[in-house]
Amino acid sequence: MYPKLNRILFLDDDIVVQKDLTGLWKIDMDGKVNGAVETCFGSFHRYAQYMNFSHPLIKEKFNPNACAWAYGMNFFDLDAWRRVNCTADYHYWQNLNENRTLWKLGTLPPVQANLGKNVDYDLEFVQGCNFGL
């Protein structure tokens, strides 16, 4: 994926940029794959909202109370992405959900499954990849 790039900023089509974002490129992501705005308050953006916890695989691998993040802004370290082979993990989860029993349709659940391992609350960034599957 984008072999000549080291980092990439993904912004959803409803994001309004109000200041210079070049500071993102100075963030030490400590080898993590993704930086995104953490939006876990109350029951908002918890895994239980997206994933089917009656399915044994989901129940075994994920915590229903785990915090998700707003997928509208993601800052990806592509070198880290390649190092831990996130593309293969993403396809793994997509293929497992072929019969649509693991989560509701949409892009957020497979991304959460693939990238959502660690949350750094001080930075308000979700960072990580791969649950060691």
C-alpha atoms as a PDB file:
ATOM      1  CA  MET A   1       0.000   0.000   0.000  1.00  0.00           C
ATOM      2  CA  TYR A   2       1.521   3.296  -1.146  1.00  0.00           C
ATOM      3  CA  PRO A   3       5.099   1.957  -1.175  1.00  0.00           C
ATOM      4  CA  LYS A   4       6.704   5.415  -1.430  1.00  0.00           C
ATOM      5  CA  LEU A   5       4.811   6.869   1.545  1.00  0.00           C
ATOM      6  CA  ASN A   6       5.666   6.465   5.236  1.00  0.00           C
ATOM      7  CA  ARG A   7       2.552   8.091   6.728  1.00  0.00           C
ATOM      8  CA  ILE A   8      -0.856   9.076   5.456  1.00  0.00           C
ATOM      9  CA  LEU A   9      -3.723  11.097   6.893  1.00  0.00           C
ATOM     10  CA  PHE A  10      -7.242   9.819   6.173  1.00  0.00           C
ATOM     11  CA  LEU A  11     -10.069  12.333   6.552  1.00  0.00           C
ATOM     12  CA  ASP A  12     -13.713  11.437   6.039  1.00  0.00           C
ATOM     13  CA  ASP A  13     -15.714  13.625   3.674  1.00  0.00           C
ATOM     14  CA  ASP A  14     -17.508  15.383   6.547  1.00  0.00           C
ATOM     15  CA  ILE A  15     -14.325  16.573   8.312  1.00  0.00           C
ATOM     16  CA  VAL A  16     -13.637  20.301   8.408  1.00  0.00           C
ATOM     17  CA  VAL A  17      -9.975  21.184   8.907  1.00  0.00           C
ATOM     18  CA  GLN A  18      -9.607  24.389  10.899  1.00  0.00           C
ATOM     19  CA  LYS A  19      -5.860  24.556  11.462  1.00  0.00           C
ATOM     20  CA  ASP A  20      -2.520  23.388  10.140  1.00  0.00           C
ATOM     21  CA  LEU A  21      -2.131  19.610  10.515  1.00  0.00           C
ATOM     22  CA  THR A  22       1.587  19.352   9.755  1.00  0.00           C
ATOM     23  CA  GLY A  23       2.263  18.741  13.455  1.00  0.00           C
ATOM     24  CA  LEU A  24       0.796  15.267  13.019  1.00  0.00           C
ATOM     25  CA  TRP A  25       3.921  14.260  11.130  1.00  0.00           C
ATOM     26  CA  LYS A  26       6.022  15.079  14.222  1.00  0.00           C
ATOM     27  CA  ILE A  27       4.098  12.709  16.509  1.00  0.00           C
ATOM     28  CA  ASP A  28       6.136   9.785  17.798  1.00  0.00           C
ATOM     29  CA  MET A  29       3.724   6.902  17.258  1.00  0.00           C
ATOM     30  CA  ASP A  30       6.092   4.515  19.034  1.00  0.00           C
ATOM     31  CA  GLY A  31       5.767   1.896  16.308  1.00  0.00           C
ATOM     32  CA  LYS A  32       1.968   1.943  16.410  1.00  0.00           C
ATOM     33  CA  VAL A  33      -0.059   1.768  13.212  1.00  0.00           C
ATOM     34  CA  ASN A  34      -2.896   4.215  13.739  1.00  0.00           C
ATOM     35  CA  GLY A  35      -3.665   7.481  15.452  1.00  0.00           C
ATOM     36  CA  ALA A  36      -7.314   8.509  15.701  1.00  0.00           C
ATOM     37  CA  VAL A  37      -9.549  10.583  17.934  1.00  0.00           C
ATOM     38  CA  GLU A  38     -10.837   8.474  20.815  1.00  0.00           C
ATOM     39  CA  THR A  39     -14.572   8.971  21.382  1.00  0.00           C
ATOM     40  CA  CYS A  40     -15.381   6.662  24.247  1.00  0.00           C
ATOM     41  CA  PHE A  41     -17.767   8.268  26.699  1.00  0.00           C
ATOM     42  CA  GLY A  42     -20.831   6.647  28.195  1.00  0.00           C
ATOM     43  CA  SER A  43     -21.945   3.914  25.834  1.00  0.00           C
ATOM     44  CA  PHE A  44     -20.926   5.873  22.731  1.00  0.00           C
ATOM     45  CA  HIS A  45     -18.475   4.059  20.458  1.00  0.00           C
ATOM     46  CA  ARG A  46     -18.112   0.853  22.445  1.00  0.00           C
ATOM     47  CA  TYR A  47     -17.452  -2.416  20.617  1.00  0.00           C
ATOM     48  CA  ALA A  48     -20.812  -3.775  21.800  1.00  0.00           C
ATOM     49  CA  GLN A  49     -22.517  -1.300  19.461  1.00  0.00           C
ATOM     50  CA  TYR A  50     -20.839  -2.751  16.381  1.00  0.00           C
ATOM     51  CA  MET A  51     -19.943  -6.373  16.953  1.00  0.00           C
ATOM     52  CA  ASN A  52     -22.095  -9.438  17.536  1.00  0.00           C
ATOM     53  CA  PHE A  53     -21.046 -10.653  20.974  1.00  0.00           C
ATOM     54  CA  SER A  54     -23.320 -13.672  20.736  1.00  0.00           C
ATOM     55  CA  HIS A  55     -20.869 -15.048  18.141  1.00  0.00           C
ATOM     56  CA  PRO A  56     -18.206 -17.231  19.889  1.00  0.00           C
ATOM     57  CA  LEU A  57     -15.233 -15.762  17.980  1.00  0.00           C
ATOM     58  CA  ILE A  58     -16.184 -12.169  18.768  1.00  0.00           C
ATOM     59  CA  LYS A  59     -16.961 -13.054  22.383  1.00  0.00           C
ATOM     60  CA  GLU A  60     -13.573 -14.773  22.739  1.00  0.00           C
ATOM     61  CA  LYS A  61     -11.413 -12.082  21.101  1.00  0.00           C
ATOM     62  CA  PHE A  62     -12.990  -8.746  22.080  1.00  0.00           C
ATOM     63  CA  ASN A  63     -14.284  -6.850  25.075  1.00  0.00           C
ATOM     64  CA  PRO A  64     -17.784  -5.407  24.484  1.00  0.00           C
ATOM     65  CA  ASN A  65     -16.900  -2.404  26.664  1.00  0.00           C
ATOM     66  CA  ALA A  66     -13.679  -1.622  24.796  1.00  0.00           C
ATOM     67  CA  CYS A  67     -13.486   1.895  23.416  1.00  0.00           C
ATOM     68  CA  ALA A  68     -13.730   2.503  19.730  1.00  0.00           C
ATOM     69  CA  TRP A  69     -12.741   5.682  17.958  1.00  0.00           C
ATOM     70  CA  ALA A  70     -14.095   8.138  15.438  1.00  0.00           C
ATOM     71  CA  TYR A  71     -13.019   6.751  12.102  1.00  0.00           C
ATOM     72  CA  GLY A  72     -13.374  10.128  10.360  1.00  0.00           C
ATOM     73  CA  MET A  73      -9.742  11.016  11.027  1.00  0.00           C
ATOM     74  CA  ASN A  74      -6.976   8.443  11.045  1.00  0.00           C
ATOM     75  CA  PHE A  75      -3.261   8.997  10.865  1.00  0.00           C
ATOM     76  CA  PHE A  76      -1.560   5.848   9.610  1.00  0.00           C
ATOM     77  CA  ASP A  77       2.085   4.930   9.961  1.00  0.00           C
ATOM     78  CA  LEU A  78       2.419   2.870   6.792  1.00  0.00           C
ATOM     79  CA  ASP A  79       5.819   1.482   7.755  1.00  0.00           C
ATOM     80  CA  ALA A  80       4.262   0.033  10.924  1.00  0.00           C
ATOM     81  CA  TRP A  81       1.232  -1.118   8.879  1.00  0.00           C
ATOM     82  CA  ARG A  82       3.526  -3.074   6.556  1.00  0.00           C
ATOM     83  CA  ARG A  83       5.667  -4.425   9.413  1.00  0.00           C
ATOM     84  CA  VAL A  84       2.705  -6.050  11.194  1.00  0.00           C
ATOM     85  CA  ASN A  85       0.886  -6.896   7.938  1.00  0.00           C
ATOM     86  CA  CYS A  86      -2.380  -5.115   8.715  1.00  0.00           C
ATOM     87  CA  THR A  87      -3.700  -5.701   5.210  1.00  0.00           C
ATOM     88  CA  ALA A  88      -3.720  -9.462   5.779  1.00  0.00           C
ATOM     89  CA  ASP A  89      -5.422  -9.018   9.171  1.00  0.00           C
ATOM     90  CA  TYR A  90      -8.061  -6.758   7.634  1.00  0.00           C
ATOM     91  CA  HIS A  91      -8.821  -9.330   4.919  1.00  0.00           C
ATOM     92  CA  TYR A  92      -8.857 -12.100   7.524  1.00  0.00           C
ATOM     93  CA  TRP A  93     -11.661 -10.367   9.438  1.00  0.00           C
ATOM     94  CA  GLN A  94     -13.538  -9.409   6.277  1.00  0.00           C
ATOM     95  CA  ASN A  95     -13.462 -13.012   5.063  1.00  0.00           C
ATOM     96  CA  LEU A  96     -14.645 -14.314   8.440  1.00  0.00           C
ATOM     97  CA  ASN A  97     -17.653 -12.014   8.193  1.00  0.00           C
ATOM     98  CA  GLU A  98     -18.634 -13.183   4.710  1.00  0.00           C
ATOM     99  CA  ASN A  99     -21.960 -14.437   6.059  1.00  0.00           C
ATOM    100  CA  ARG A 100     -22.450 -11.130   7.957  1.00  0.00           C
ATOM    101  CA  THR A 101     -22.750 -12.672  11.414  1.00  0.00           C
ATOM    102  CA  LEU A 102     -19.790 -11.016  13.172  1.00  0.00           C
ATOM    103  CA  TRP A 103     -20.823  -7.367  12.930  1.00  0.00           C
ATOM    104  CA  LYS A 104     -23.235  -4.941  11.369  1.00  0.00           C
ATOM    105  CA  LEU A 105     -22.406  -3.784   7.864  1.00  0.00           C
ATOM    106  CA  GLY A 106     -20.000  -0.886   7.549  1.00  0.00           C
ATOM    107  CA  THR A 107     -16.279  -0.213   7.639  1.00  0.00           C
ATOM    108  CA  LEU A 108     -15.860   0.532  11.334  1.00  0.00           C
ATOM    109  CA  PRO A 109     -16.047  -3.009  12.825  1.00  0.00           C
ATOM    110  CA  PRO A 110     -13.331  -4.626  10.676  1.00  0.00           C
ATOM    111  CA  VAL A 111     -11.106  -1.628  11.245  1.00  0.00           C
ATOM    112  CA  GLN A 112     -11.744  -1.835  14.996  1.00  0.00           C
ATOM    113  CA  ALA A 113     -10.962  -5.553  14.913  1.00  0.00           C
ATOM    114  CA  ASN A 114      -7.770  -4.940  13.007  1.00  0.00           C
ATOM    115  CA  LEU A 115      -6.379  -1.753  14.550  1.00  0.00           C
ATOM    116  CA  GLY A 116      -7.954  -1.231  17.940  1.00  0.00           C
ATOM    117  CA  LYS A 117      -5.510  -2.802  20.353  1.00  0.00           C
ATOM    118  CA  ASN A 118      -4.149   0.105  22.410  1.00  0.00           C
ATOM    119  CA  VAL A 119      -5.629   3.425  23.478  1.00  0.00           C
ATOM    120  CA  ASP A 120      -3.375   6.242  24.648  1.00  0.00           C
ATOM    121  CA  TYR A 121      -5.780   8.464  26.578  1.00  0.00           C
ATOM    122  CA  ASP A 122      -3.177  11.148  27.223  1.00  0.00           C
ATOM    123  CA  LEU A 123      -2.837  11.820  23.511  1.00  0.00           C
ATOM    124  CA  GLU A 124      -6.467  10.965  22.774  1.00  0.00           C
ATOM    125  CA  PHE A 125      -5.151   8.670  20.075  1.00  0.00           C
ATOM    126  CA  VAL A 126      -5.980   5.060  19.386  1.00  0.00           C
ATOM    127  CA  GLN A 127      -2.831   3.306  18.348  1.00  0.00           C
ATOM    128  CA  GLY A 128      -2.126  -0.305  17.523  1.00  0.00           C
ATOM    129  CA  CYS A 129      -2.730  -3.148  15.191  1.00  0.00           C
ATOM    130  CA  ASN A 130      -3.417  -6.837  15.359  1.00  0.00           C
ATOM    131  CA  PHE A 131      -4.810  -8.688  18.342  1.00  0.00           C
ATOM    132  CA  GLY A 132      -2.108 -11.353  17.921  1.00  0.00           C
ATOM    133  CA  LEU A 133      -4.403 -13.545  15.826  1.00  0.00           C
END
